[in-house]
Amino acid sequence: MSVFASQQAAEKALKALCLFKLKEFPKGHSIIYLAQKLKAPKEMLSGIRDLNPEYLSTRYPDMAVGVPAELYDDDIAVRHFKTAEKVVKWVKTQIRE
């Protein structure tokens, strides 16, 4: 659940920034596309690339190579949480400017 929530937090924050800055609501769930569109800092992109596919594997168990709960451990969950946290913090700075 934590990994899915991390992906969702990053996605929703980036979509909010698209609405705020670009006045458009992008369709789809690619946080890579959103981050690139918004010119997110390059140092965030590695974590975003790592988190991006989690939308499918955590939401649709038949897409995963196993039971989603068995695919993740604490290290993976923490890594994804930190990525989402960085994305949300960056989005907040962009909205304040």
PDB file of N, CA and C in Angstrom:
ATOM      1  N   MET A   1       0.816  -1.201   0.000  1.00  0.00           N
ATOM      2  CA  MET A   1       0.000   0.000   0.000  1.00  0.00           C
ATOM      3  C   MET A   1       0.858   1.263   0.000  1.00  0.00           C
ATOM      4  N   SER A   2       1.967   1.235   0.707  1.00  0.00           N
ATOM      5  CA  SER A   2       2.839   2.392   0.790  1.00  0.00           C
ATOM      6  C   SER A   2       3.402   2.772  -0.578  1.00  0.00           C
ATOM      7  N   VAL A   3       3.794   1.780  -1.371  1.00  0.00           N
ATOM      8  CA  VAL A   3       4.373   2.056  -2.683  1.00  0.00           C
ATOM      9  C   VAL A   3       3.320   2.681  -3.592  1.00  0.00           C
ATOM     10  N   PHE A   4       2.118   2.156  -3.574  1.00  0.00           N
ATOM     11  CA  PHE A   4       1.035   2.731  -4.381  1.00  0.00           C
ATOM     12  C   PHE A   4       0.765   4.173  -3.948  1.00  0.00           C
ATOM     13  N   ALA A   5       0.712   4.407  -2.646  1.00  0.00           N
ATOM     14  CA  ALA A   5       0.447   5.749  -2.132  1.00  0.00           C
ATOM     15  C   ALA A   5       1.565   6.712  -2.532  1.00  0.00           C
ATOM     16  N   SER A   6       2.796   6.244  -2.551  1.00  0.00           N
ATOM     17  CA  SER A   6       3.913   7.089  -2.964  1.00  0.00           C
ATOM     18  C   SER A   6       3.782   7.482  -4.431  1.00  0.00           C
ATOM     19  N   GLN A   7       3.444   6.521  -5.270  1.00  0.00           N
ATOM     20  CA  GLN A   7       3.271   6.819  -6.697  1.00  0.00           C
ATOM     21  C   GLN A   7       2.125   7.806  -6.878  1.00  0.00           C
ATOM     22  N   GLN A   8       1.034   7.584  -6.187  1.00  0.00           N
ATOM     23  CA  GLN A   8      -0.126   8.466  -6.305  1.00  0.00           C
ATOM     24  C   GLN A   8       0.190   9.879  -5.820  1.00  0.00           C
ATOM     25  N   ALA A   9       0.928   9.995  -4.726  1.00  0.00           N
ATOM     26  CA  ALA A   9       1.289  11.315  -4.203  1.00  0.00           C
ATOM     27  C   ALA A   9       2.118  12.087  -5.233  1.00  0.00           C
ATOM     28  N   ALA A  10       3.091  11.411  -5.825  1.00  0.00           N
ATOM     29  CA  ALA A  10       3.924  12.058  -6.834  1.00  0.00           C
ATOM     30  C   ALA A  10       3.085  12.450  -8.054  1.00  0.00           C
ATOM     31  N   GLU A  11       2.254  11.531  -8.515  1.00  0.00           N
ATOM     32  CA  GLU A  11       1.426  11.805  -9.694  1.00  0.00           C
ATOM     33  C   GLU A  11       0.475  12.972  -9.449  1.00  0.00           C
ATOM     34  N   LYS A  12      -0.221  12.958  -8.336  1.00  0.00           N
ATOM     35  CA  LYS A  12      -1.202  14.013  -8.065  1.00  0.00           C
ATOM     36  C   LYS A  12      -0.528  15.364  -7.872  1.00  0.00           C
ATOM     37  N   ALA A  13       0.642  15.368  -7.235  1.00  0.00           N
ATOM     38  CA  ALA A  13       1.361  16.629  -7.051  1.00  0.00           C
ATOM     39  C   ALA A  13       1.790  17.196  -8.405  1.00  0.00           C
ATOM     40  N   LEU A  14       2.334  16.347  -9.266  1.00  0.00           N
ATOM     41  CA  LEU A  14       2.765  16.809 -10.589  1.00  0.00           C
ATOM     42  C   LEU A  14       1.584  17.265 -11.442  1.00  0.00           C
ATOM     43  N   LYS A  15       0.472  16.568 -11.346  1.00  0.00           N
ATOM     44  CA  LYS A  15      -0.714  16.998 -12.099  1.00  0.00           C
ATOM     45  C   LYS A  15      -1.236  18.332 -11.574  1.00  0.00           C
ATOM     46  N   ALA A  16      -1.174  18.536 -10.274  1.00  0.00           N
ATOM     47  CA  ALA A  16      -1.594  19.813  -9.697  1.00  0.00           C
ATOM     48  C   ALA A  16      -0.717  20.943 -10.229  1.00  0.00           C
ATOM     49  N   LEU A  17       0.579  20.675 -10.340  1.00  0.00           N
ATOM     50  CA  LEU A  17       1.483  21.693 -10.857  1.00  0.00           C
ATOM     51  C   LEU A  17       1.213  21.965 -12.340  1.00  0.00           C
ATOM     52  N   CYS A  18       0.858  20.938 -13.085  1.00  0.00           N
ATOM     53  CA  CYS A  18       0.467  21.147 -14.490  1.00  0.00           C
ATOM     54  C   CYS A  18      -0.746  22.072 -14.573  1.00  0.00           C
ATOM     55  N   LEU A  19      -1.704  21.845 -13.707  1.00  0.00           N
ATOM     56  CA  LEU A  19      -2.886  22.704 -13.690  1.00  0.00           C
ATOM     57  C   LEU A  19      -2.506  24.139 -13.322  1.00  0.00           C
ATOM     58  N   PHE A  20      -1.661  24.257 -12.314  1.00  0.00           N
ATOM     59  CA  PHE A  20      -1.282  25.573 -11.813  1.00  0.00           C
ATOM     60  C   PHE A  20      -0.435  26.351 -12.816  1.00  0.00           C
ATOM     61  N   LYS A  21       0.607  25.714 -13.347  1.00  0.00           N
ATOM     62  CA  LYS A  21       1.558  26.413 -14.215  1.00  0.00           C
ATOM     63  C   LYS A  21       1.159  26.421 -15.683  1.00  0.00           C
ATOM     64  N   LEU A  22       0.700  25.287 -16.173  1.00  0.00           N
ATOM     65  CA  LEU A  22       0.451  25.139 -17.610  1.00  0.00           C
ATOM     66  C   LEU A  22      -1.014  25.285 -17.983  1.00  0.00           C
ATOM     67  N   LYS A  23      -1.864  25.334 -16.972  1.00  0.00           N
ATOM     68  CA  LYS A  23      -3.321  25.455 -17.192  1.00  0.00           C
ATOM     69  C   LYS A  23      -3.867  24.310 -18.028  1.00  0.00           C
ATOM     70  N   GLU A  24      -3.319  23.115 -17.786  1.00  0.00           N
ATOM     71  CA  GLU A  24      -3.817  21.921 -18.481  1.00  0.00           C
ATOM     72  C   GLU A  24      -3.773  20.730 -17.541  1.00  0.00           C
ATOM     73  N   PHE A  25      -4.656  19.787 -17.793  1.00  0.00           N
ATOM     74  CA  PHE A  25      -4.707  18.566 -16.997  1.00  0.00           C
ATOM     75  C   PHE A  25      -4.308  17.396 -17.886  1.00  0.00           C
ATOM     76  N   PRO A  26      -3.078  16.912 -17.732  1.00  0.00           N
ATOM     77  CA  PRO A  26      -2.623  15.808 -18.584  1.00  0.00           C
ATOM     78  C   PRO A  26      -3.297  14.496 -18.227  1.00  0.00           C
ATOM     79  N   LYS A  27      -3.572  13.705 -19.231  1.00  0.00           N
ATOM     80  CA  LYS A  27      -4.165  12.387 -19.011  1.00  0.00           C
ATOM     81  C   LYS A  27      -3.047  11.373 -18.836  1.00  0.00           C
ATOM     82  N   GLY A  28      -3.396  10.247 -18.279  1.00  0.00           N
ATOM     83  CA  GLY A  28      -2.410   9.188 -18.092  1.00  0.00           C
ATOM     84  C   GLY A  28      -1.781   9.229 -16.717  1.00  0.00           C
ATOM     85  N   HIS A  29      -0.845   8.324 -16.517  1.00  0.00           N
ATOM     86  CA  HIS A  29      -0.266   8.151 -15.188  1.00  0.00           C
ATOM     87  C   HIS A  29       1.255   8.187 -15.192  1.00  0.00           C
ATOM     88  N   SER A  30       1.856   8.612 -16.285  1.00  0.00           N
ATOM     89  CA  SER A  30       3.314   8.623 -16.368  1.00  0.00           C
ATOM     90  C   SER A  30       3.892   9.820 -15.621  1.00  0.00           C
ATOM     91  N   ILE A  31       4.511   9.535 -14.494  1.00  0.00           N
ATOM     92  CA  ILE A  31       5.131  10.629 -13.757  1.00  0.00           C
ATOM     93  C   ILE A  31       6.443  11.051 -14.423  1.00  0.00           C
ATOM     94  N   ILE A  32       7.005  10.193 -15.252  1.00  0.00           N
ATOM     95  CA  ILE A  32       8.184  10.583 -16.036  1.00  0.00           C
ATOM     96  C   ILE A  32       7.779  11.692 -17.020  1.00  0.00           C
ATOM     97  N   TYR A  33       6.697  11.459 -17.742  1.00  0.00           N
ATOM     98  CA  TYR A  33       6.196  12.447 -18.706  1.00  0.00           C
ATOM     99  C   TYR A  33       5.884  13.771 -17.997  1.00  0.00           C
ATOM    100  N   LEU A  34       5.202  13.683 -16.867  1.00  0.00           N
ATOM    101  CA  LEU A  34       4.830  14.896 -16.140  1.00  0.00           C
ATOM    102  C   LEU A  34       6.057  15.661 -15.666  1.00  0.00           C
ATOM    103  N   ALA A  35       7.021  14.934 -15.110  1.00  0.00           N
ATOM    104  CA  ALA A  35       8.240  15.575 -14.600  1.00  0.00           C
ATOM    105  C   ALA A  35       9.009  16.247 -15.730  1.00  0.00           C
ATOM    106  N   GLN A  36       9.103  15.588 -16.872  1.00  0.00           N
ATOM    107  CA  GLN A  36       9.798  16.179 -18.009  1.00  0.00           C
ATOM    108  C   GLN A  36       9.060  17.403 -18.533  1.00  0.00           C
ATOM    109  N   LYS A  37       7.756  17.309 -18.612  1.00  0.00           N
ATOM    110  CA  LYS A  37       6.925  18.422 -19.092  1.00  0.00           C
ATOM    111  C   LYS A  37       7.104  19.655 -18.199  1.00  0.00           C
ATOM    112  N   LEU A  38       7.265  19.402 -16.905  1.00  0.00           N
ATOM    113  CA  LEU A  38       7.401  20.486 -15.931  1.00  0.00           C
ATOM    114  C   LEU A  38       8.852  20.895 -15.692  1.00  0.00           C
ATOM    115  N   LYS A  39       9.772  20.234 -16.401  1.00  0.00           N
ATOM    116  CA  LYS A  39      11.200  20.523 -16.255  1.00  0.00           C
ATOM    117  C   LYS A  39      11.665  20.347 -14.810  1.00  0.00           C
ATOM    118  N   ALA A  40      11.308  19.200 -14.251  1.00  0.00           N
ATOM    119  CA  ALA A  40      11.742  18.869 -12.886  1.00  0.00           C
ATOM    120  C   ALA A  40      13.262  18.733 -12.854  1.00  0.00           C
ATOM    121  N   PRO A  41      13.877  18.978 -11.719  1.00  0.00           N
ATOM    122  CA  PRO A  41      15.332  18.856 -11.607  1.00  0.00           C
ATOM    123  C   PRO A  41      15.817  17.459 -11.989  1.00  0.00           C
ATOM    124  N   LYS A  42      16.933  17.414 -12.695  1.00  0.00           N
ATOM    125  CA  LYS A  42      17.462  16.134 -13.159  1.00  0.00           C
ATOM    126  C   LYS A  42      17.755  15.173 -12.021  1.00  0.00           C
ATOM    127  N   GLU A  43      18.147  15.695 -10.870  1.00  0.00           N
ATOM    128  CA  GLU A  43      18.466  14.813  -9.749  1.00  0.00           C
ATOM    129  C   GLU A  43      17.239  14.075  -9.205  1.00  0.00           C
ATOM    130  N   MET A  44      16.057  14.519  -9.542  1.00  0.00           N
ATOM    131  CA  MET A  44      14.834  13.814  -9.122  1.00  0.00           C
ATOM    132  C   MET A  44      14.423  12.738 -10.127  1.00  0.00           C
ATOM    133  N   LEU A  45      14.890  12.829 -11.359  1.00  0.00           N
ATOM    134  CA  LEU A  45      14.387  11.958 -12.417  1.00  0.00           C
ATOM    135  C   LEU A  45      14.712  10.479 -12.215  1.00  0.00           C
ATOM    136  N   SER A  46      15.831  10.152 -11.615  1.00  0.00           N
ATOM    137  CA  SER A  46      16.170   8.748 -11.389  1.00  0.00           C
ATOM    138  C   SER A  46      15.139   8.080 -10.476  1.00  0.00           C
ATOM    139  N   GLY A  47      14.818   8.740  -9.387  1.00  0.00           N
ATOM    140  CA  GLY A  47      13.810   8.206  -8.470  1.00  0.00           C
ATOM    141  C   GLY A  47      12.437   8.141  -9.119  1.00  0.00           C
ATOM    142  N   ILE A  48      12.128   9.130  -9.936  1.00  0.00           N
ATOM    143  CA  ILE A  48      10.843   9.159 -10.641  1.00  0.00           C
ATOM    144  C   ILE A  48      10.755   7.996 -11.628  1.00  0.00           C
ATOM    145  N   ARG A  49      11.845   7.733 -12.333  1.00  0.00           N
ATOM    146  CA  ARG A  49      11.857   6.593 -13.265  1.00  0.00           C
ATOM    147  C   ARG A  49      11.650   5.279 -12.521  1.00  0.00           C
ATOM    148  N   ASP A  50      12.212   5.186 -11.345  1.00  0.00           N
ATOM    149  CA  ASP A  50      12.087   3.982 -10.525  1.00  0.00           C
ATOM    150  C   ASP A  50      10.653   3.816 -10.000  1.00  0.00           C
ATOM    151  N   LEU A  51      10.033   4.910  -9.645  1.00  0.00           N
ATOM    152  CA  LEU A  51       8.676   4.880  -9.080  1.00  0.00           C
ATOM    153  C   LEU A  51       7.594   4.742 -10.147  1.00  0.00           C
ATOM    154  N   ASN A  52       7.834   5.226 -11.342  1.00  0.00           N
ATOM    155  CA  ASN A  52       6.820   5.279 -12.397  1.00  0.00           C
ATOM    156  C   ASN A  52       6.052   3.971 -12.645  1.00  0.00           C
ATOM    157  N   PRO A  53       6.727   2.833 -12.815  1.00  0.00           N
ATOM    158  CA  PRO A  53       5.970   1.617 -13.150  1.00  0.00           C
ATOM    159  C   PRO A  53       5.142   1.052 -11.996  1.00  0.00           C
ATOM    160  N   GLU A  54       5.321   1.594 -10.813  1.00  0.00           N
ATOM    161  CA  GLU A  54       4.596   1.064  -9.659  1.00  0.00           C
ATOM    162  C   GLU A  54       3.096   1.324  -9.752  1.00  0.00           C
ATOM    163  N   TYR A  55       2.690   2.250 -10.593  1.00  0.00           N
ATOM    164  CA  TYR A  55       1.261   2.486 -10.770  1.00  0.00           C
ATOM    165  C   TYR A  55       0.563   1.198 -11.196  1.00  0.00           C
ATOM    166  N   LEU A  56       1.129   0.518 -12.171  1.00  0.00           N
ATOM    167  CA  LEU A  56       0.496  -0.702 -12.686  1.00  0.00           C
ATOM    168  C   LEU A  56       0.649  -1.892 -11.753  1.00  0.00           C
ATOM    169  N   SER A  57       1.856  -2.120 -11.278  1.00  0.00           N
ATOM    170  CA  SER A  57       2.087  -3.336 -10.501  1.00  0.00           C
ATOM    171  C   SER A  57       1.400  -3.310  -9.134  1.00  0.00           C
ATOM    172  N   THR A  58       1.176  -2.137  -8.571  1.00  0.00           N
ATOM    173  CA  THR A  58       0.497  -2.071  -7.275  1.00  0.00           C
ATOM    174  C   THR A  58      -1.012  -1.969  -7.406  1.00  0.00           C
ATOM    175  N   ARG A  59      -1.471  -1.456  -8.509  1.00  0.00           N
ATOM    176  CA  ARG A  59      -2.913  -1.272  -8.693  1.00  0.00           C
ATOM    177  C   ARG A  59      -3.589  -2.474  -9.352  1.00  0.00           C
ATOM    178  N   TYR A  60      -2.839  -3.137 -10.224  1.00  0.00           N
ATOM    179  CA  TYR A  60      -3.398  -4.259 -10.968  1.00  0.00           C
ATOM    180  C   TYR A  60      -2.565  -5.518 -10.707  1.00  0.00           C
ATOM    181  N   PRO A  61      -2.972  -6.332  -9.763  1.00  0.00           N
ATOM    182  CA  PRO A  61      -2.189  -7.518  -9.397  1.00  0.00           C
ATOM    183  C   PRO A  61      -1.895  -8.452 -10.572  1.00  0.00           C
ATOM    184  N   ASP A  62      -2.788  -8.516 -11.547  1.00  0.00           N
ATOM    185  CA  ASP A  62      -2.531  -9.387 -12.693  1.00  0.00           C
ATOM    186  C   ASP A  62      -1.391  -8.855 -13.575  1.00  0.00           C
ATOM    187  N   MET A  63      -1.020  -7.587 -13.417  1.00  0.00           N
ATOM    188  CA  MET A  63       0.100  -7.010 -14.154  1.00  0.00           C
ATOM    189  C   MET A  63       1.438  -7.310 -13.471  1.00  0.00           C
ATOM    190  N   ALA A  64       1.379  -7.577 -12.175  1.00  0.00           N
ATOM    191  CA  ALA A  64       2.601  -7.834 -11.408  1.00  0.00           C
ATOM    192  C   ALA A  64       3.099  -9.247 -11.673  1.00  0.00           C
ATOM    193  N   VAL A  65       4.352  -9.454 -11.371  1.00  0.00           N
ATOM    194  CA  VAL A  65       4.960 -10.767 -11.555  1.00  0.00           C
ATOM    195  C   VAL A  65       4.722 -11.640 -10.330  1.00  0.00           C
ATOM    196  N   GLY A  66       3.974 -11.156  -9.397  1.00  0.00           N
ATOM    197  CA  GLY A  66       3.669 -11.880  -8.173  1.00  0.00           C
ATOM    198  C   GLY A  66       2.665 -11.092  -7.363  1.00  0.00           C
ATOM    199  N   VAL A  67       2.419 -11.555  -6.175  1.00  0.00           N
ATOM    200  CA  VAL A  67       1.512 -10.856  -5.271  1.00  0.00           C
ATOM    201  C   VAL A  67       2.168  -9.528  -4.892  1.00  0.00           C
ATOM    202  N   PRO A  68       1.502  -8.411  -5.150  1.00  0.00           N
ATOM    203  CA  PRO A  68       2.136  -7.124  -4.883  1.00  0.00           C
ATOM    204  C   PRO A  68       2.735  -6.996  -3.477  1.00  0.00           C
ATOM    205  N   ALA A  69       2.058  -7.489  -2.472  1.00  0.00           N
ATOM    206  CA  ALA A  69       2.566  -7.387  -1.105  1.00  0.00           C
ATOM    207  C   ALA A  69       3.876  -8.145  -0.916  1.00  0.00           C
ATOM    208  N   GLU A  70       4.129  -9.118  -1.774  1.00  0.00           N
ATOM    209  CA  GLU A  70       5.358  -9.903  -1.657  1.00  0.00           C
ATOM    210  C   GLU A  70       6.481  -9.355  -2.532  1.00  0.00           C
ATOM    211  N   LEU A  71       6.198  -8.362  -3.353  1.00  0.00           N
ATOM    212  CA  LEU A  71       7.201  -7.801  -4.257  1.00  0.00           C
ATOM    213  C   LEU A  71       8.033  -6.698  -3.613  1.00  0.00           C
ATOM    214  N   TYR A  72       7.604  -6.209  -2.472  1.00  0.00           N
ATOM    215  CA  TYR A  72       8.242  -5.051  -1.854  1.00  0.00           C
ATOM    216  C   TYR A  72       8.700  -5.371  -0.445  1.00  0.00           C
ATOM    217  N   ASP A  73       9.777  -4.688  -0.052  1.00  0.00           N
ATOM    218  CA  ASP A  73      10.237  -4.779   1.326  1.00  0.00           C
ATOM    219  C   ASP A  73      10.355  -3.350   1.864  1.00  0.00           C
ATOM    220  N   ASP A  74      10.812  -3.223   3.089  1.00  0.00           N
ATOM    221  CA  ASP A  74      10.899  -1.901   3.710  1.00  0.00           C
ATOM    222  C   ASP A  74      11.832  -0.962   2.944  1.00  0.00           C
ATOM    223  N   ASP A  75      12.946  -1.489   2.445  1.00  0.00           N
ATOM    224  CA  ASP A  75      13.898  -0.637   1.721  1.00  0.00           C
ATOM    225  C   ASP A  75      13.268  -0.032   0.469  1.00  0.00           C
ATOM    226  N   ILE A  76      12.547  -0.843  -0.277  1.00  0.00           N
ATOM    227  CA  ILE A  76      11.879  -0.366  -1.495  1.00  0.00           C
ATOM    228  C   ILE A  76      10.809   0.660  -1.134  1.00  0.00           C
ATOM    229  N   ALA A  77      10.024   0.357  -0.129  1.00  0.00           N
ATOM    230  CA  ALA A  77       8.953   1.271   0.284  1.00  0.00           C
ATOM    231  C   ALA A  77       9.526   2.613   0.727  1.00  0.00           C
ATOM    232  N   VAL A  78      10.600   2.582   1.492  1.00  0.00           N
ATOM    233  CA  VAL A  78      11.220   3.818   1.970  1.00  0.00           C
ATOM    234  C   VAL A  78      11.810   4.602   0.800  1.00  0.00           C
ATOM    235  N   ARG A  79      12.465   3.926  -0.128  1.00  0.00           N
ATOM    236  CA  ARG A  79      13.044   4.594  -1.302  1.00  0.00           C
ATOM    237  C   ARG A  79      11.954   5.318  -2.103  1.00  0.00           C
ATOM    238  N   HIS A  80      10.838   4.634  -2.336  1.00  0.00           N
ATOM    239  CA  HIS A  80       9.742   5.251  -3.095  1.00  0.00           C
ATOM    240  C   HIS A  80       9.100   6.391  -2.307  1.00  0.00           C
ATOM    241  N   PHE A  81       8.982   6.222  -1.003  1.00  0.00           N
ATOM    242  CA  PHE A  81       8.417   7.282  -0.165  1.00  0.00           C
ATOM    243  C   PHE A  81       9.285   8.538  -0.256  1.00  0.00           C
ATOM    244  N   LYS A  82      10.596   8.358  -0.197  1.00  0.00           N
ATOM    245  CA  LYS A  82      11.508   9.506  -0.265  1.00  0.00           C
ATOM    246  C   LYS A  82      11.414  10.210  -1.621  1.00  0.00           C
ATOM    247  N   THR A  83      11.248   9.431  -2.672  1.00  0.00           N
ATOM    248  CA  THR A  83      11.068  10.042  -3.997  1.00  0.00           C
ATOM    249  C   THR A  83       9.796  10.877  -4.023  1.00  0.00           C
ATOM    250  N   ALA A  84       8.704  10.315  -3.549  1.00  0.00           N
ATOM    251  CA  ALA A  84       7.437  11.051  -3.528  1.00  0.00           C
ATOM    252  C   ALA A  84       7.551  12.302  -2.668  1.00  0.00           C
ATOM    253  N   GLU A  85       8.232  12.176  -1.554  1.00  0.00           N
ATOM    254  CA  GLU A  85       8.419  13.319  -0.664  1.00  0.00           C
ATOM    255  C   GLU A  85       9.195  14.444  -1.369  1.00  0.00           C
ATOM    256  N   LYS A  86      10.242  14.087  -2.108  1.00  0.00           N
ATOM    257  CA  LYS A  86      11.015  15.078  -2.863  1.00  0.00           C
ATOM    258  C   LYS A  86      10.162  15.747  -3.928  1.00  0.00           C
ATOM    259  N   VAL A  87       9.352  14.952  -4.614  1.00  0.00           N
ATOM    260  CA  VAL A  87       8.477  15.502  -5.660  1.00  0.00           C
ATOM    261  C   VAL A  87       7.493  16.497  -5.052  1.00  0.00           C
ATOM    262  N   VAL A  88       6.846  16.104  -3.978  1.00  0.00           N
ATOM    263  CA  VAL A  88       5.851  16.980  -3.341  1.00  0.00           C
ATOM    264  C   VAL A  88       6.509  18.271  -2.847  1.00  0.00           C
ATOM    265  N   LYS A  89       7.680  18.164  -2.239  1.00  0.00           N
ATOM    266  CA  LYS A  89       8.381  19.365  -1.766  1.00  0.00           C
ATOM    267  C   LYS A  89       8.746  20.277  -2.931  1.00  0.00           C
ATOM    268  N   TRP A  90       9.225  19.697  -4.028  1.00  0.00           N
ATOM    269  CA  TRP A  90       9.578  20.499  -5.196  1.00  0.00           C
ATOM    270  C   TRP A  90       8.340  21.196  -5.763  1.00  0.00           C
ATOM    271  N   VAL A  91       7.239  20.471  -5.852  1.00  0.00           N
ATOM    272  CA  VAL A  91       5.997  21.053  -6.371  1.00  0.00           C
ATOM    273  C   VAL A  91       5.575  22.237  -5.489  1.00  0.00           C
ATOM    274  N   LYS A  92       5.674  22.075  -4.195  1.00  0.00           N
ATOM    275  CA  LYS A  92       5.308  23.185  -3.293  1.00  0.00           C
ATOM    276  C   LYS A  92       6.156  24.416  -3.548  1.00  0.00           C
ATOM    277  N   THR A  93       7.454  24.212  -3.798  1.00  0.00           N
ATOM    278  CA  THR A  93       8.313  25.379  -4.083  1.00  0.00           C
ATOM    279  C   THR A  93       7.910  26.036  -5.397  1.00  0.00           C
ATOM    280  N   GLN A  94       7.497  25.249  -6.367  1.00  0.00           N
ATOM    281  CA  GLN A  94       7.089  25.793  -7.665  1.00  0.00           C
ATOM    282  C   GLN A  94       5.794  26.575  -7.561  1.00  0.00           C
ATOM    283  N   ILE A  95       4.906  26.140  -6.707  1.00  0.00           N
ATOM    284  CA  ILE A  95       3.624  26.839  -6.548  1.00  0.00           C
ATOM    285  C   ILE A  95       3.818  28.150  -5.795  1.00  0.00           C
ATOM    286  N   ARG A  96       4.764  28.167  -4.879  1.00  0.00           N
ATOM    287  CA  ARG A  96       5.011  29.382  -4.087  1.00  0.00           C
ATOM    288  C   ARG A  96       5.682  30.486  -4.889  1.00  0.00           C
ATOM    289  N   GLU A  97       6.378  30.112  -5.965  1.00  0.00           N
ATOM    290  CA  GLU A  97       7.116  31.133  -6.756  1.00  0.00           C
ATOM    291  C   GLU A  97       6.196  32.030  -7.537  1.00  0.00           C
TER     292      GLU A  97
END
